[in-house]
Amino acid sequence: MELRHLKTFKFAAEYLNFTKAAQQLNFTQPAVTAQLQTLEQELKQQLFIRIGKKNFLTPAGEILRTYTDQLFSIVEEIESSFSDLSNSYGNITVAASEGYCAKCFPYVISEYQKLYPHVQIKVISCNSDEVIKGIESNKYDIGIISGELSKNGITNIMIAEEDMVLVVSKDLYARYPEDQLLTNFPFIKYQAGEYFETIINKYLIQSKLSLQNVIEFGSLDAIKKAVLINIGVALLISTYIKKEISNGDLVPILVTENKVKVNTSIITLKEKENVVTIQSFIDVIQKIWNRIPTME
């Protein structure tokens, strides 16, 4: 039995008038009659009987009507469920470093909730290596990482490319020559995984710097605060400290003409990239990322 034949029967059983059923289905009356005849042949049962000018259901027709009512009730539930999905219902788990979670995601989520208020969002703070592991294990739906990931089964979308800047507080810069700043004070390092380690090492090689004393933090906010209170110098993403450089609280130290850049990417499993809720969240990130105040 074909679903379209059962749907035709449903309308014919409701109206007991093949012409009206044809109008509702946008068919011709002969097409309705032909489909009903096909259904009767398959079931080996007569479904309608005509008495005078009226059609009535036979006992077999009554039985089939009970089942078609149940069947199309389920079909409507299926259609409704998928309609909900198309309107972005469900849950999303997003993972990113503490800096992105604190500075960027409030803006992303605010914008997303205006468009898709029924989606439940969970944001996890962890470093890029942990984000990658979480995406690969299906623990997280979307990840924001420093760098790019080229790996089978993973979709990588680069959303930003930013300069790394070596900075020191205005107080230390006013009191010491640059060469003493780099030798007398600790280098404050971001402990955020393999990619950042590579970027920092690349910068140090290009700058021909040899570190004597290193302090590591797992938080960009902690590093920025440590520099502001004169603990040492640090290599930070330019957009993350744009305000502090602009108002003079932090001063860039130019030790090499060669710029070292850090990329920011969205990652998700390829199997998930077409899931409506996930794709809609990625679309919002791409749309507003460079307009977020901390990213301008």
C-alpha atoms as a PDB file:
ATOM      1  CA  MET A   1       0.000   0.000   0.000  1.00  0.00           C
ATOM      2  CA  GLU A   2       1.207   3.471  -0.873  1.00  0.00           C
ATOM      3  CA  LEU A   3       0.847   6.336   1.581  1.00  0.00           C
ATOM      4  CA  ARG A   4      -0.674   8.570  -1.111  1.00  0.00           C
ATOM      5  CA  HIS A   5      -3.446   6.018  -1.709  1.00  0.00           C
ATOM      6  CA  LEU A   6      -4.185   5.883   2.009  1.00  0.00           C
ATOM      7  CA  LYS A   7      -4.274   9.676   2.140  1.00  0.00           C
ATOM      8  CA  THR A   8      -6.790   9.702  -0.721  1.00  0.00           C
ATOM      9  CA  PHE A   9      -8.884   7.128   1.151  1.00  0.00           C
ATOM     10  CA  LYS A  10      -8.729   9.285   4.310  1.00  0.00           C
ATOM     11  CA  PHE A  11     -10.256  12.275   2.509  1.00  0.00           C
ATOM     12  CA  ALA A  12     -12.800  10.139   0.660  1.00  0.00           C
ATOM     13  CA  ALA A  13     -13.850   8.500   3.955  1.00  0.00           C
ATOM     14  CA  GLU A  14     -14.152  11.914   5.609  1.00  0.00           C
ATOM     15  CA  TYR A  15     -16.306  13.542   2.912  1.00  0.00           C
ATOM     16  CA  LEU A  16     -17.972  10.385   1.501  1.00  0.00           C
ATOM     17  CA  ASN A  17     -17.870  12.344  -1.728  1.00  0.00           C
ATOM     18  CA  PHE A  18     -15.171  11.635  -4.277  1.00  0.00           C
ATOM     19  CA  THR A  19     -15.524  15.023  -5.960  1.00  0.00           C
ATOM     20  CA  LYS A  20     -14.997  16.933  -2.690  1.00  0.00           C
ATOM     21  CA  ALA A  21     -12.070  14.668  -1.813  1.00  0.00           C
ATOM     22  CA  ALA A  22     -10.533  15.390  -5.213  1.00  0.00           C
ATOM     23  CA  GLN A  23     -10.888  19.144  -4.637  1.00  0.00           C
ATOM     24  CA  GLN A  24      -9.148  18.935  -1.265  1.00  0.00           C
ATOM     25  CA  LEU A  25      -6.330  16.856  -2.711  1.00  0.00           C
ATOM     26  CA  ASN A  26      -6.100  18.940  -5.881  1.00  0.00           C
ATOM     27  CA  PHE A  27      -6.749  15.808  -7.940  1.00  0.00           C
ATOM     28  CA  THR A  28      -9.299  15.017 -10.581  1.00  0.00           C
ATOM     29  CA  GLN A  29     -12.289  12.929  -9.527  1.00  0.00           C
ATOM     30  CA  PRO A  30     -11.266  10.044 -11.842  1.00  0.00           C
ATOM     31  CA  ALA A  31      -7.788  10.044 -10.215  1.00  0.00           C
ATOM     32  CA  VAL A  32      -9.376   9.650  -6.786  1.00  0.00           C
ATOM     33  CA  THR A  33     -11.588   6.816  -8.041  1.00  0.00           C
ATOM     34  CA  ALA A  34      -8.599   5.057  -9.641  1.00  0.00           C
ATOM     35  CA  GLN A  35      -6.518   5.245  -6.442  1.00  0.00           C
ATOM     36  CA  LEU A  36      -9.382   3.887  -4.338  1.00  0.00           C
ATOM     37  CA  GLN A  37      -9.879   1.030  -6.772  1.00  0.00           C
ATOM     38  CA  THR A  38      -6.162   0.206  -6.574  1.00  0.00           C
ATOM     39  CA  LEU A  39      -6.403   0.158  -2.781  1.00  0.00           C
ATOM     40  CA  GLU A  40      -9.438  -2.150  -2.874  1.00  0.00           C
ATOM     41  CA  GLN A  41      -7.587  -4.515  -5.215  1.00  0.00           C
ATOM     42  CA  GLU A  42      -4.576  -4.636  -2.898  1.00  0.00           C
ATOM     43  CA  LEU A  43      -6.722  -5.277   0.181  1.00  0.00           C
ATOM     44  CA  LYS A  44      -9.132  -7.555  -1.689  1.00  0.00           C
ATOM     45  CA  GLN A  45     -11.962  -5.693   0.054  1.00  0.00           C
ATOM     46  CA  GLN A  46     -14.656  -3.275  -1.025  1.00  0.00           C
ATOM     47  CA  LEU A  47     -14.225  -0.035   0.923  1.00  0.00           C
ATOM     48  CA  PHE A  48     -17.235   2.020  -0.227  1.00  0.00           C
ATOM     49  CA  ILE A  49     -20.782   1.175  -1.121  1.00  0.00           C
ATOM     50  CA  ARG A  50     -23.144   3.530  -2.905  1.00  0.00           C
ATOM     51  CA  ILE A  51     -26.795   3.636  -1.833  1.00  0.00           C
ATOM     52  CA  GLY A  52     -28.913   5.985  -3.870  1.00  0.00           C
ATOM     53  CA  LYS A  53     -26.866   9.132  -4.361  1.00  0.00           C
ATOM     54  CA  LYS A  54     -24.711   8.695  -1.248  1.00  0.00           C
ATOM     55  CA  ASN A  55     -21.503   6.805  -0.495  1.00  0.00           C
ATOM     56  CA  PHE A  56     -21.052   4.818   2.716  1.00  0.00           C
ATOM     57  CA  LEU A  57     -18.120   2.957   4.206  1.00  0.00           C
ATOM     58  CA  THR A  58     -18.295  -0.822   4.222  1.00  0.00           C
ATOM     59  CA  PRO A  59     -17.197  -2.690   7.388  1.00  0.00           C
ATOM     60  CA  ALA A  60     -13.763  -3.071   5.747  1.00  0.00           C
ATOM     61  CA  GLY A  61     -13.768   0.663   5.040  1.00  0.00           C
ATOM     62  CA  GLU A  62     -14.576   1.430   8.675  1.00  0.00           C
ATOM     63  CA  ILE A  63     -11.653  -0.728   9.802  1.00  0.00           C
ATOM     64  CA  LEU A  64      -9.293   0.977   7.340  1.00  0.00           C
ATOM     65  CA  ARG A  65     -10.516   4.407   8.425  1.00  0.00           C
ATOM     66  CA  THR A  66      -9.558   3.609  12.059  1.00  0.00           C
ATOM     67  CA  TYR A  67      -6.039   2.690  10.970  1.00  0.00           C
ATOM     68  CA  THR A  68      -5.601   5.642   8.585  1.00  0.00           C
ATOM     69  CA  ASP A  69      -6.671   8.052  11.331  1.00  0.00           C
ATOM     70  CA  GLN A  70      -3.995   6.584  13.597  1.00  0.00           C
ATOM     71  CA  LEU A  71      -1.426   6.546  10.787  1.00  0.00           C
ATOM     72  CA  PHE A  72      -1.882  10.166   9.760  1.00  0.00           C
ATOM     73  CA  SER A  73      -1.922  11.289  13.369  1.00  0.00           C
ATOM     74  CA  ILE A  74       1.602   9.848  13.615  1.00  0.00           C
ATOM     75  CA  VAL A  75       2.547  11.452  10.288  1.00  0.00           C
ATOM     76  CA  GLU A  76       1.450  14.842  11.651  1.00  0.00           C
ATOM     77  CA  GLU A  77       3.570  14.289  14.778  1.00  0.00           C
ATOM     78  CA  ILE A  78       6.575  13.476  12.594  1.00  0.00           C
ATOM     79  CA  GLU A  79       6.041  16.585  10.474  1.00  0.00           C
ATOM     80  CA  SER A  80       5.613  18.714  13.608  1.00  0.00           C
ATOM     81  CA  SER A  81       8.816  17.337  15.138  1.00  0.00           C
ATOM     82  CA  PHE A  82      10.833  18.114  12.037  1.00  0.00           C
ATOM     83  CA  SER A  83       9.216  21.517  11.797  1.00  0.00           C
ATOM     84  CA  ASP A  84      10.492  22.166  15.327  1.00  0.00           C
ATOM     85  CA  LEU A  85      13.968  21.162  14.237  1.00  0.00           C
ATOM     86  CA  SER A  86      13.832  23.510  11.268  1.00  0.00           C
ATOM     87  CA  ASN A  87      12.972  26.297  13.704  1.00  0.00           C
ATOM     88  CA  SER A  88      15.968  25.400  15.878  1.00  0.00           C
ATOM     89  CA  TYR A  89      14.745  23.628  18.977  1.00  0.00           C
ATOM     90  CA  GLY A  90      17.004  21.459  21.087  1.00  0.00           C
ATOM     91  CA  ASN A  91      20.316  21.705  22.923  1.00  0.00           C
ATOM     92  CA  ILE A  92      23.805  22.869  21.976  1.00  0.00           C
ATOM     93  CA  THR A  93      27.020  22.420  23.948  1.00  0.00           C
ATOM     94  CA  VAL A  94      29.766  24.878  23.024  1.00  0.00           C
ATOM     95  CA  ALA A  95      33.349  24.726  24.294  1.00  0.00           C
ATOM     96  CA  ALA A  96      36.048  27.400  24.190  1.00  0.00           C
ATOM     97  CA  SER A  97      38.827  28.925  26.237  1.00  0.00           C
ATOM     98  CA  GLU A  98      38.028  31.033  29.274  1.00  0.00           C
ATOM     99  CA  GLY A  99      38.763  34.243  27.356  1.00  0.00           C
ATOM    100  CA  TYR A 100      36.286  33.491  24.581  1.00  0.00           C
ATOM    101  CA  CYS A 101      33.665  32.299  27.065  1.00  0.00           C
ATOM    102  CA  ALA A 102      33.924  35.457  29.161  1.00  0.00           C
ATOM    103  CA  LYS A 103      34.462  38.090  26.501  1.00  0.00           C
ATOM    104  CA  CYS A 104      32.706  36.811  23.378  1.00  0.00           C
ATOM    105  CA  PHE A 105      29.978  34.309  24.090  1.00  0.00           C
ATOM    106  CA  PRO A 106      27.653  36.625  26.030  1.00  0.00           C
ATOM    107  CA  TYR A 107      27.309  38.631  22.798  1.00  0.00           C
ATOM    108  CA  VAL A 108      26.962  35.535  20.600  1.00  0.00           C
ATOM    109  CA  ILE A 109      24.331  33.953  22.852  1.00  0.00           C
ATOM    110  CA  SER A 110      22.396  37.205  23.183  1.00  0.00           C
ATOM    111  CA  GLU A 111      22.169  37.509  19.399  1.00  0.00           C
ATOM    112  CA  TYR A 112      21.348  33.819  18.935  1.00  0.00           C
ATOM    113  CA  GLN A 113      18.575  33.848  21.533  1.00  0.00           C
ATOM    114  CA  LYS A 114      16.843  36.698  19.700  1.00  0.00           C
ATOM    115  CA  LEU A 115      16.575  34.441  16.647  1.00  0.00           C
ATOM    116  CA  TYR A 116      16.178  31.032  18.305  1.00  0.00           C
ATOM    117  CA  PRO A 117      14.741  31.479  21.815  1.00  0.00           C
ATOM    118  CA  HIS A 118      13.861  27.790  22.273  1.00  0.00           C
ATOM    119  CA  VAL A 119      17.400  26.395  21.994  1.00  0.00           C
ATOM    120  CA  GLN A 120      19.105  25.471  25.271  1.00  0.00           C
ATOM    121  CA  ILE A 121      22.804  26.438  25.270  1.00  0.00           C
ATOM    122  CA  LYS A 122      25.570  25.118  27.509  1.00  0.00           C
ATOM    123  CA  VAL A 123      29.001  26.794  27.409  1.00  0.00           C
ATOM    124  CA  ILE A 124      32.088  24.933  28.672  1.00  0.00           C
ATOM    125  CA  SER A 125      35.384  26.681  29.442  1.00  0.00           C
ATOM    126  CA  CYS A 126      38.543  24.685  28.635  1.00  0.00           C
ATOM    127  CA  ASN A 127      41.745  25.024  26.628  1.00  0.00           C
ATOM    128  CA  SER A 128      41.986  24.331  22.896  1.00  0.00           C
ATOM    129  CA  ASP A 129      43.412  20.824  23.289  1.00  0.00           C
ATOM    130  CA  GLU A 130      40.487  19.846  25.524  1.00  0.00           C
ATOM    131  CA  VAL A 131      38.035  21.460  23.096  1.00  0.00           C
ATOM    132  CA  ILE A 132      39.407  19.323  20.257  1.00  0.00           C
ATOM    133  CA  LYS A 133      39.180  16.131  22.329  1.00  0.00           C
ATOM    134  CA  GLY A 134      35.605  17.010  23.297  1.00  0.00           C
ATOM    135  CA  ILE A 135      34.566  17.574  19.691  1.00  0.00           C
ATOM    136  CA  GLU A 136      36.178  14.314  18.562  1.00  0.00           C
ATOM    137  CA  SER A 137      34.442  12.341  21.326  1.00  0.00           C
ATOM    138  CA  ASN A 138      31.078  14.001  20.588  1.00  0.00           C
ATOM    139  CA  LYS A 139      31.074  15.561  24.055  1.00  0.00           C
ATOM    140  CA  TYR A 140      30.737  19.058  22.572  1.00  0.00           C
ATOM    141  CA  ASP A 141      28.801  20.178  19.490  1.00  0.00           C
ATOM    142  CA  ILE A 142      30.796  23.294  18.610  1.00  0.00           C
ATOM    143  CA  GLY A 143      34.291  24.368  19.615  1.00  0.00           C
ATOM    144  CA  ILE A 144      36.222  27.631  19.313  1.00  0.00           C
ATOM    145  CA  ILE A 145      39.974  27.083  19.201  1.00  0.00           C
ATOM    146  CA  SER A 146      43.145  29.066  18.736  1.00  0.00           C
ATOM    147  CA  GLY A 147      44.621  27.775  15.491  1.00  0.00           C
ATOM    148  CA  GLU A 148      43.278  25.573  12.736  1.00  0.00           C
ATOM    149  CA  LEU A 149      42.536  21.853  12.795  1.00  0.00           C
ATOM    150  CA  SER A 150      43.032  19.736   9.696  1.00  0.00           C
ATOM    151  CA  LYS A 151      41.694  16.331  10.592  1.00  0.00           C
ATOM    152  CA  ASN A 152      39.418  13.749   8.976  1.00  0.00           C
ATOM    153  CA  GLY A 153      35.864  14.014  10.222  1.00  0.00           C
ATOM    154  CA  ILE A 154      36.272  17.578  11.528  1.00  0.00           C
ATOM    155  CA  THR A 155      35.000  20.758   9.854  1.00  0.00           C
ATOM    156  CA  ASN A 156      37.229  23.793  10.506  1.00  0.00           C
ATOM    157  CA  ILE A 157      36.009  27.333   9.815  1.00  0.00           C
ATOM    158  CA  MET A 158      38.516  30.139  10.394  1.00  0.00           C
ATOM    159  CA  ILE A 159      36.813  33.261  11.784  1.00  0.00           C
ATOM    160  CA  ALA A 160      39.724  35.539  12.725  1.00  0.00           C
ATOM    161  CA  GLU A 161      43.436  36.181  12.219  1.00  0.00           C
ATOM    162  CA  GLU A 162      45.060  38.415  14.829  1.00  0.00           C
ATOM    163  CA  ASP A 163      48.494  39.738  15.717  1.00  0.00           C
ATOM    164  CA  MET A 164      50.371  38.716  18.832  1.00  0.00           C
ATOM    165  CA  VAL A 165      51.850  41.674  20.722  1.00  0.00           C
ATOM    166  CA  LEU A 166      54.549  41.740  23.397  1.00  0.00           C
ATOM    167  CA  VAL A 167      53.407  44.187  26.099  1.00  0.00           C
ATOM    168  CA  VAL A 168      54.473  45.630  29.418  1.00  0.00           C
ATOM    169  CA  SER A 169      52.806  47.989  31.894  1.00  0.00           C
ATOM    170  CA  LYS A 170      53.220  51.750  31.408  1.00  0.00           C
ATOM    171  CA  ASP A 171      54.960  51.979  34.808  1.00  0.00           C
ATOM    172  CA  LEU A 172      57.691  49.481  33.957  1.00  0.00           C
ATOM    173  CA  TYR A 173      58.082  50.918  30.465  1.00  0.00           C
ATOM    174  CA  ALA A 174      58.671  54.368  31.940  1.00  0.00           C
ATOM    175  CA  ARG A 175      61.249  53.103  34.440  1.00  0.00           C
ATOM    176  CA  TYR A 176      63.377  50.642  32.445  1.00  0.00           C
ATOM    177  CA  PRO A 177      64.964  50.420  28.989  1.00  0.00           C
ATOM    178  CA  GLU A 178      63.449  47.755  26.736  1.00  0.00           C
ATOM    179  CA  ASP A 179      66.484  45.456  26.926  1.00  0.00           C
ATOM    180  CA  GLN A 180      66.264  45.414  30.735  1.00  0.00           C
ATOM    181  CA  LEU A 181      62.532  44.733  30.655  1.00  0.00           C
ATOM    182  CA  LEU A 182      63.198  41.587  28.650  1.00  0.00           C
ATOM    183  CA  THR A 183      66.025  40.352  30.854  1.00  0.00           C
ATOM    184  CA  ASN A 184      65.108  41.555  34.358  1.00  0.00           C
ATOM    185  CA  PHE A 185      61.433  40.644  34.444  1.00  0.00           C
ATOM    186  CA  PRO A 186      59.596  37.338  33.947  1.00  0.00           C
ATOM    187  CA  PHE A 187      57.962  36.375  30.693  1.00  0.00           C
ATOM    188  CA  ILE A 188      54.309  35.625  31.496  1.00  0.00           C
ATOM    189  CA  LYS A 189      53.184  32.763  29.305  1.00  0.00           C
ATOM    190  CA  TYR A 190      49.759  31.503  28.320  1.00  0.00           C
ATOM    191  CA  GLN A 191      49.432  27.798  29.047  1.00  0.00           C
ATOM    192  CA  ALA A 192      46.757  26.899  26.506  1.00  0.00           C
ATOM    193  CA  GLY A 193      47.891  23.899  24.535  1.00  0.00           C
ATOM    194  CA  GLU A 194      50.147  22.863  21.682  1.00  0.00           C
ATOM    195  CA  TYR A 195      49.087  25.531  19.189  1.00  0.00           C
ATOM    196  CA  PHE A 196      49.816  28.475  21.473  1.00  0.00           C
ATOM    197  CA  GLU A 197      53.107  26.880  22.502  1.00  0.00           C
ATOM    198  CA  THR A 198      54.093  26.771  18.817  1.00  0.00           C
ATOM    199  CA  ILE A 199      53.096  30.410  18.295  1.00  0.00           C
ATOM    200  CA  ILE A 200      55.057  31.591  21.338  1.00  0.00           C
ATOM    201  CA  ASN A 201      58.151  29.613  20.314  1.00  0.00           C
ATOM    202  CA  LYS A 202      57.934  31.037  16.796  1.00  0.00           C
ATOM    203  CA  TYR A 203      57.815  34.553  18.204  1.00  0.00           C
ATOM    204  CA  LEU A 204      60.757  33.945  20.519  1.00  0.00           C
ATOM    205  CA  ILE A 205      62.878  32.540  17.685  1.00  0.00           C
ATOM    206  CA  GLN A 206      62.071  35.473  15.395  1.00  0.00           C
ATOM    207  CA  SER A 207      62.802  37.926  18.217  1.00  0.00           C
ATOM    208  CA  LYS A 208      65.994  36.077  19.240  1.00  0.00           C
ATOM    209  CA  LEU A 209      64.836  36.158  22.825  1.00  0.00           C
ATOM    210  CA  SER A 210      66.161  33.806  25.470  1.00  0.00           C
ATOM    211  CA  LEU A 211      63.845  33.428  28.443  1.00  0.00           C
ATOM    212  CA  GLN A 212      65.429  33.340  31.895  1.00  0.00           C
ATOM    213  CA  ASN A 213      62.299  33.344  34.017  1.00  0.00           C
ATOM    214  CA  VAL A 214      58.854  32.143  32.916  1.00  0.00           C
ATOM    215  CA  ILE A 215      55.539  32.307  34.743  1.00  0.00           C
ATOM    216  CA  GLU A 216      52.631  30.357  33.260  1.00  0.00           C
ATOM    217  CA  PHE A 217      48.919  31.058  33.580  1.00  0.00           C
ATOM    218  CA  GLY A 218      45.954  29.206  32.099  1.00  0.00           C
ATOM    219  CA  SER A 219      43.887  32.393  31.947  1.00  0.00           C
ATOM    220  CA  LEU A 220      44.294  35.363  29.613  1.00  0.00           C
ATOM    221  CA  ASP A 221      42.615  37.607  32.183  1.00  0.00           C
ATOM    222  CA  ALA A 222      45.147  36.530  34.806  1.00  0.00           C
ATOM    223  CA  ILE A 223      48.036  37.256  32.431  1.00  0.00           C
ATOM    224  CA  LYS A 224      46.707  40.701  31.558  1.00  0.00           C
ATOM    225  CA  LYS A 225      46.244  41.545  35.229  1.00  0.00           C
ATOM    226  CA  ALA A 226      49.740  40.298  36.068  1.00  0.00           C
ATOM    227  CA  VAL A 227      51.238  42.596  33.423  1.00  0.00           C
ATOM    228  CA  LEU A 228      49.146  45.550  34.585  1.00  0.00           C
ATOM    229  CA  ILE A 229      50.464  45.183  38.160  1.00  0.00           C
ATOM    230  CA  ASN A 230      54.104  45.145  36.946  1.00  0.00           C
ATOM    231  CA  ILE A 231      54.944  41.446  37.341  1.00  0.00           C
ATOM    232  CA  GLY A 232      56.503  41.084  33.888  1.00  0.00           C
ATOM    233  CA  VAL A 233      56.003  41.111  30.109  1.00  0.00           C
ATOM    234  CA  ALA A 234      53.581  38.982  28.103  1.00  0.00           C
ATOM    235  CA  LEU A 235      52.705  38.016  24.561  1.00  0.00           C
ATOM    236  CA  LEU A 236      48.969  38.542  24.053  1.00  0.00           C
ATOM    237  CA  ILE A 237      46.435  38.704  21.241  1.00  0.00           C
ATOM    238  CA  SER A 238      46.191  42.306  20.059  1.00  0.00           C
ATOM    239  CA  THR A 239      42.381  42.532  20.096  1.00  0.00           C
ATOM    240  CA  TYR A 240      42.285  41.188  23.648  1.00  0.00           C
ATOM    241  CA  ILE A 241      44.329  44.133  24.931  1.00  0.00           C
ATOM    242  CA  LYS A 242      43.220  46.787  22.452  1.00  0.00           C
ATOM    243  CA  LYS A 243      41.533  48.892  25.138  1.00  0.00           C
ATOM    244  CA  GLU A 244      44.535  48.754  27.495  1.00  0.00           C
ATOM    245  CA  ILE A 245      46.934  49.737  24.686  1.00  0.00           C
ATOM    246  CA  SER A 246      44.621  52.521  23.524  1.00  0.00           C
ATOM    247  CA  ASN A 247      44.383  54.115  26.992  1.00  0.00           C
ATOM    248  CA  GLY A 248      48.106  53.683  27.641  1.00  0.00           C
ATOM    249  CA  ASP A 249      47.930  51.159  30.483  1.00  0.00           C
ATOM    250  CA  LEU A 250      49.875  48.633  28.392  1.00  0.00           C
ATOM    251  CA  VAL A 251      52.740  49.494  26.042  1.00  0.00           C
ATOM    252  CA  PRO A 252      53.804  47.314  23.057  1.00  0.00           C
ATOM    253  CA  ILE A 253      57.469  46.371  22.826  1.00  0.00           C
ATOM    254  CA  LEU A 254      58.662  45.966  19.243  1.00  0.00           C
ATOM    255  CA  VAL A 255      61.486  43.421  19.212  1.00  0.00           C
ATOM    256  CA  THR A 256      60.935  42.091  15.672  1.00  0.00           C
ATOM    257  CA  GLU A 257      59.516  43.476  12.440  1.00  0.00           C
ATOM    258  CA  ASN A 258      58.053  40.064  11.623  1.00  0.00           C
ATOM    259  CA  LYS A 259      54.494  39.709  12.864  1.00  0.00           C
ATOM    260  CA  VAL A 260      53.295  36.508  14.433  1.00  0.00           C
ATOM    261  CA  LYS A 261      49.602  35.889  13.945  1.00  0.00           C
ATOM    262  CA  VAL A 262      47.176  33.616  15.751  1.00  0.00           C
ATOM    263  CA  ASN A 263      44.101  32.188  14.035  1.00  0.00           C
ATOM    264  CA  THR A 264      40.737  31.518  15.645  1.00  0.00           C
ATOM    265  CA  SER A 265      38.528  28.740  14.274  1.00  0.00           C
ATOM    266  CA  ILE A 266      35.164  27.082  14.762  1.00  0.00           C
ATOM    267  CA  ILE A 267      35.281  23.291  14.753  1.00  0.00           C
ATOM    268  CA  THR A 268      32.536  20.675  14.682  1.00  0.00           C
ATOM    269  CA  LEU A 269      32.117  17.082  13.557  1.00  0.00           C
ATOM    270  CA  LYS A 270      31.371  16.828   9.827  1.00  0.00           C
ATOM    271  CA  GLU A 271      28.454  14.575  10.728  1.00  0.00           C
ATOM    272  CA  LYS A 272      26.919  17.469  12.662  1.00  0.00           C
ATOM    273  CA  GLU A 273      27.584  20.399  10.350  1.00  0.00           C
ATOM    274  CA  ASN A 274      24.143  20.137   8.714  1.00  0.00           C
ATOM    275  CA  VAL A 275      22.201  19.832  11.985  1.00  0.00           C
ATOM    276  CA  VAL A 276      19.961  22.903  11.962  1.00  0.00           C
ATOM    277  CA  THR A 277      20.620  24.049  15.547  1.00  0.00           C
ATOM    278  CA  ILE A 278      24.384  23.667  15.161  1.00  0.00           C
ATOM    279  CA  GLN A 279      24.569  25.323  11.743  1.00  0.00           C
ATOM    280  CA  SER A 280      22.404  28.225  12.902  1.00  0.00           C
ATOM    281  CA  PHE A 281      24.711  28.818  15.897  1.00  0.00           C
ATOM    282  CA  ILE A 282      27.788  28.721  13.648  1.00  0.00           C
ATOM    283  CA  ASP A 283      26.108  31.199  11.285  1.00  0.00           C
ATOM    284  CA  VAL A 284      25.545  33.643  14.150  1.00  0.00           C
ATOM    285  CA  ILE A 285      29.179  33.333  15.303  1.00  0.00           C
ATOM    286  CA  GLN A 286      30.423  34.064  11.777  1.00  0.00           C
ATOM    287  CA  LYS A 287      28.040  36.975  11.386  1.00  0.00           C
ATOM    288  CA  ILE A 288      28.900  38.889  14.558  1.00  0.00           C
ATOM    289  CA  TRP A 289      32.386  37.708  15.616  1.00  0.00           C
ATOM    290  CA  ASN A 290      34.261  40.687  14.221  1.00  0.00           C
ATOM    291  CA  ARG A 291      31.636  43.078  15.630  1.00  0.00           C
ATOM    292  CA  ILE A 292      31.998  41.912  19.224  1.00  0.00           C
ATOM    293  CA  PRO A 293      33.409  44.852  21.270  1.00  0.00           C
ATOM    294  CA  THR A 294      36.445  42.874  22.475  1.00  0.00           C
ATOM    295  CA  MET A 295      37.172  41.805  18.884  1.00  0.00           C
ATOM    296  CA  GLU A 296      36.909  45.230  17.207  1.00  0.00           C
END
